[in-house]
Protein backbone atom coordinates (compact mmCIF):
# COMPACT_ATOMS: atom_id res chain seq x y z
CA MET A 1 -107.54 -18.13 229.58
CA GLN A 2 -110.37 -15.85 228.41
CA VAL A 3 -113.37 -18.16 228.73
CA ALA A 4 -116.49 -17.20 230.70
CA ILE A 5 -118.47 -20.25 231.86
CA HIS A 6 -122.01 -20.01 233.21
CA HIS A 7 -124.61 -22.46 234.23
CA TRP A 8 -128.16 -21.49 233.54
CA ASP A 9 -129.83 -22.65 236.70
CA CYS A 10 -127.41 -22.49 239.58
CA GLY A 11 -124.34 -20.60 238.56
CA LEU A 12 -122.03 -23.57 239.31
CA PRO A 13 -120.96 -24.96 236.01
CA TYR A 14 -118.43 -27.59 237.05
CA ALA A 15 -119.28 -31.18 237.98
CA GLY A 16 -118.23 -31.60 241.56
CA PHE A 17 -116.48 -34.50 243.22
CA TRP A 18 -119.51 -36.45 244.56
CA ARG A 19 -121.46 -36.03 241.33
CA ARG A 20 -118.48 -37.51 239.50
CA VAL A 21 -118.16 -40.30 242.06
CA LEU A 22 -121.79 -41.28 241.65
CA ALA A 23 -121.45 -41.26 237.84
CA SER A 24 -118.41 -43.45 238.14
CA ILE A 25 -120.26 -45.98 240.32
CA VAL A 26 -123.08 -46.22 237.72
CA ASP A 27 -120.50 -46.58 234.94
CA SER A 28 -118.58 -49.22 236.93
CA PHE A 29 -121.71 -51.32 237.28
CA LEU A 30 -122.42 -51.15 233.54
CA GLN A 31 -118.91 -52.03 232.62
CA PHE A 32 -118.91 -54.90 235.10
CA ALA A 33 -122.23 -56.19 233.61
CA VAL A 34 -120.81 -56.08 230.02
CA ALA A 35 -117.62 -57.90 231.21
CA THR A 36 -119.65 -60.54 233.06
CA VAL A 37 -121.77 -61.36 230.00
CA PHE A 38 -118.65 -61.84 227.89
CA ILE A 39 -116.83 -63.89 230.63
CA LEU A 40 -119.86 -66.11 231.13
CA ALA A 41 -120.12 -66.58 227.33
CA ALA A 42 -116.49 -67.66 227.22
CA PHE A 43 -116.95 -70.17 230.05
CA LEU A 44 -120.21 -71.56 228.56
CA SER A 45 -118.78 -71.87 225.03
CA ASP A 46 -115.45 -73.38 225.93
CA GLY A 47 -115.55 -76.34 228.30
CA SER A 48 -111.77 -76.31 228.70
CA LEU A 49 -111.96 -73.05 230.71
CA TYR A 50 -114.34 -74.66 233.21
CA ALA A 51 -112.15 -77.81 233.25
CA ALA A 52 -108.99 -75.69 234.05
CA VAL A 53 -110.83 -74.13 237.01
CA GLU A 54 -112.00 -77.51 238.27
CA ALA A 55 -108.50 -79.07 237.88
CA GLU A 56 -106.89 -75.97 239.52
CA ASP A 57 -104.36 -75.81 236.70
CA LEU A 58 -102.44 -72.79 237.90
CA GLU A 59 -100.67 -72.05 234.58
CA THR A 60 -104.02 -71.98 232.69
CA LEU A 61 -105.73 -69.97 235.53
CA ARG A 62 -102.97 -67.34 235.36
CA ALA A 63 -103.35 -67.12 231.55
CA MET A 64 -107.13 -66.78 232.03
CA GLN A 65 -106.57 -64.02 234.66
CA ILE A 66 -104.32 -62.16 232.22
CA TYR A 67 -106.82 -62.52 229.46
CA PHE A 68 -109.88 -61.37 231.52
CA VAL A 69 -108.16 -58.47 233.16
CA GLY A 70 -106.81 -57.37 229.78
CA PHE A 71 -110.32 -57.72 228.34
CA MET A 72 -111.68 -55.55 231.15
CA VAL A 73 -109.06 -52.87 230.37
CA LEU A 74 -110.28 -52.88 226.74
CA ILE A 75 -113.90 -52.58 227.94
CA ILE A 76 -113.06 -49.62 230.18
CA LEU A 77 -110.98 -47.82 227.50
CA SER A 78 -113.57 -48.39 224.79
CA TYR A 79 -116.50 -47.43 227.02
CA HIS A 80 -115.03 -44.05 228.03
CA THR A 81 -113.49 -43.29 224.69
CA LEU A 82 -116.68 -44.02 222.67
CA PHE A 83 -119.11 -42.35 224.98
CA GLU A 84 -117.15 -39.27 225.92
CA SER A 85 -116.04 -38.47 222.37
CA SER A 86 -119.65 -39.02 221.05
CA PRO A 87 -122.14 -36.17 220.52
CA MET A 88 -123.55 -37.08 223.96
CA GLN A 89 -120.11 -36.11 225.45
CA ALA A 90 -120.89 -38.43 228.42
CA THR A 91 -121.02 -42.03 229.59
CA PRO A 92 -124.46 -43.29 230.70
CA GLY A 93 -123.51 -42.54 234.37
CA LYS A 94 -122.59 -38.92 233.47
CA LEU A 95 -125.85 -38.59 231.50
CA LEU A 96 -127.84 -39.83 234.41
CA LEU A 97 -126.19 -37.18 236.62
CA ALA A 98 -126.55 -34.48 233.93
CA ILE A 99 -122.84 -33.84 233.36
CA LYS A 100 -120.71 -33.93 230.27
CA VAL A 101 -117.04 -33.80 229.18
CA THR A 102 -115.82 -30.88 227.11
CA ASN A 103 -112.53 -29.34 226.08
CA SER A 104 -111.44 -26.04 227.72
CA ILE A 105 -113.87 -23.95 225.59
CA GLY A 106 -116.93 -26.28 225.83
CA GLU A 107 -116.49 -28.21 222.60
CA GLN A 108 -116.82 -31.99 222.10
CA ILE A 109 -113.52 -33.89 222.64
CA GLY A 110 -112.13 -36.34 220.20
CA PRO A 111 -111.39 -40.10 220.73
CA PHE A 112 -107.70 -39.65 221.47
CA GLN A 113 -108.40 -36.96 224.07
CA ALA A 114 -111.10 -39.12 225.62
CA ALA A 115 -108.83 -42.19 225.76
CA PHE A 116 -106.05 -40.15 227.36
CA ARG A 117 -108.44 -38.56 229.81
CA SER A 118 -109.41 -42.01 231.13
CA TRP A 119 -105.86 -43.04 232.09
CA PRO A 120 -106.67 -43.34 235.83
CA LEU A 121 -109.09 -46.06 235.04
CA TRP A 122 -107.19 -48.17 232.52
CA ILE A 123 -103.74 -47.83 234.00
CA ILE A 124 -104.93 -49.85 237.02
CA GLY A 125 -105.86 -52.65 234.61
CA VAL A 126 -102.60 -52.47 232.74
CA PHE A 127 -100.62 -52.88 235.92
CA SER A 128 -103.03 -55.62 237.08
CA VAL A 129 -102.12 -57.56 233.84
CA ILE A 130 -98.43 -57.04 234.64
CA ASP A 131 -98.95 -58.29 238.20
CA ALA A 132 -100.91 -61.30 236.99
CA ALA A 133 -98.22 -62.19 234.48
CA THR A 134 -95.37 -61.77 236.97
CA GLY A 135 -97.21 -63.06 240.03
CA SER A 136 -96.48 -59.88 242.05
CA GLY A 137 -98.88 -57.32 243.44
CA GLY A 138 -96.82 -54.17 243.89
CA SER A 139 -97.24 -52.40 240.62
CA SER A 140 -101.14 -52.41 240.68
CA LEU A 141 -100.96 -51.03 244.29
CA ILE A 142 -98.88 -48.09 243.00
CA ALA A 143 -101.22 -47.63 240.02
CA ASN A 144 -104.20 -47.57 242.40
CA LEU A 145 -102.65 -44.92 244.62
CA LEU A 146 -101.60 -42.78 241.62
CA SER A 147 -105.12 -43.08 240.08
CA SER A 148 -106.77 -42.30 243.38
CA VAL A 149 -104.69 -39.13 243.82
CA ALA A 150 -105.36 -38.10 240.24
CA CYS A 151 -109.09 -38.25 240.89
CA ILE A 152 -109.22 -36.94 244.48
CA VAL A 153 -107.65 -33.67 243.24
CA VAL A 154 -111.07 -32.87 241.78
CA ALA A 155 -112.29 -31.89 245.29
CA PHE A 156 -109.59 -29.25 245.67
CA THR A 157 -109.40 -27.44 242.34
CA ALA A 158 -111.39 -24.37 241.31
CA GLN A 159 -112.59 -25.91 238.03
CA LYS A 160 -113.13 -29.35 239.70
CA GLN A 161 -110.51 -30.94 237.47
CA GLY A 162 -108.59 -34.09 238.28
CA LEU A 163 -105.01 -34.52 237.18
CA HIS A 164 -106.31 -36.52 234.18
CA ASP A 165 -108.58 -33.60 233.16
CA MET A 166 -105.72 -31.08 233.47
CA MET A 167 -103.41 -33.36 231.44
CA ALA A 168 -106.03 -33.95 228.71
CA GLY A 169 -107.21 -30.30 228.65
CA THR A 170 -110.82 -31.25 229.61
CA LEU A 171 -113.59 -30.03 231.91
CA MET A 172 -116.54 -31.81 233.31
CA VAL A 173 -119.48 -29.51 233.48
CA ARG A 174 -123.15 -29.79 234.21
CA ARG A 175 -125.44 -30.02 231.13
CA GLY A 176 -126.85 -26.59 230.35
CA THR A 177 -123.48 -24.93 230.85
CA GLU A 178 -122.76 -22.15 228.31
CA PHE A 179 -119.33 -21.19 227.26
CA GLN A 180 -118.58 -17.67 226.10
CA VAL A 181 -115.18 -17.50 224.39
CA SER A 182 -113.67 -14.02 223.93
CA ASP A 183 -112.70 -13.03 220.38
CA ALA A 184 -109.06 -12.59 221.37
CA TYR A 185 -108.90 -16.10 222.93
CA ALA A 186 -110.75 -17.66 219.94
CA GLU A 187 -108.21 -16.11 217.53
CA ALA A 188 -105.33 -17.35 219.63
CA ILE A 189 -106.45 -20.98 219.49
């Protein structure tokens, strides 16, 4: 690949592991807050949900669990897709830590690429829904391990890419990073 990448103030353009972890923590709190508002609104607007909890109606509780976990998956997927494919190129957590998501030549990514890039986050939820529906717990454990490995790889790669970044063809760089694409490379893509 014929792309030179420079960061204007420190020479290190890629967003490192701990910077990404901190951004993820901020984003998790925001996503949890959004989900909590919607879940509380559901309980307050529908007395039957509260009654099911009080009565310990296991069938209804399992259906509620599937619904709420599925809803959380949609929040996570929408959150990352909308923010990372926007002109900001970052979620609020990434903005706070001055990092952004780009394609391999520094351009804004599209919604499909952003959605695919976030698979380590939403795959856990998908398997949690499966576990809730079947009453097991094994598949979400496997999804958690796979997602963890996909993200931990960031600490060990030269461009600080996780498996999800490599698969989606994305980079996470510090704001202010400049990409210089050679003419030969630009013509090839």
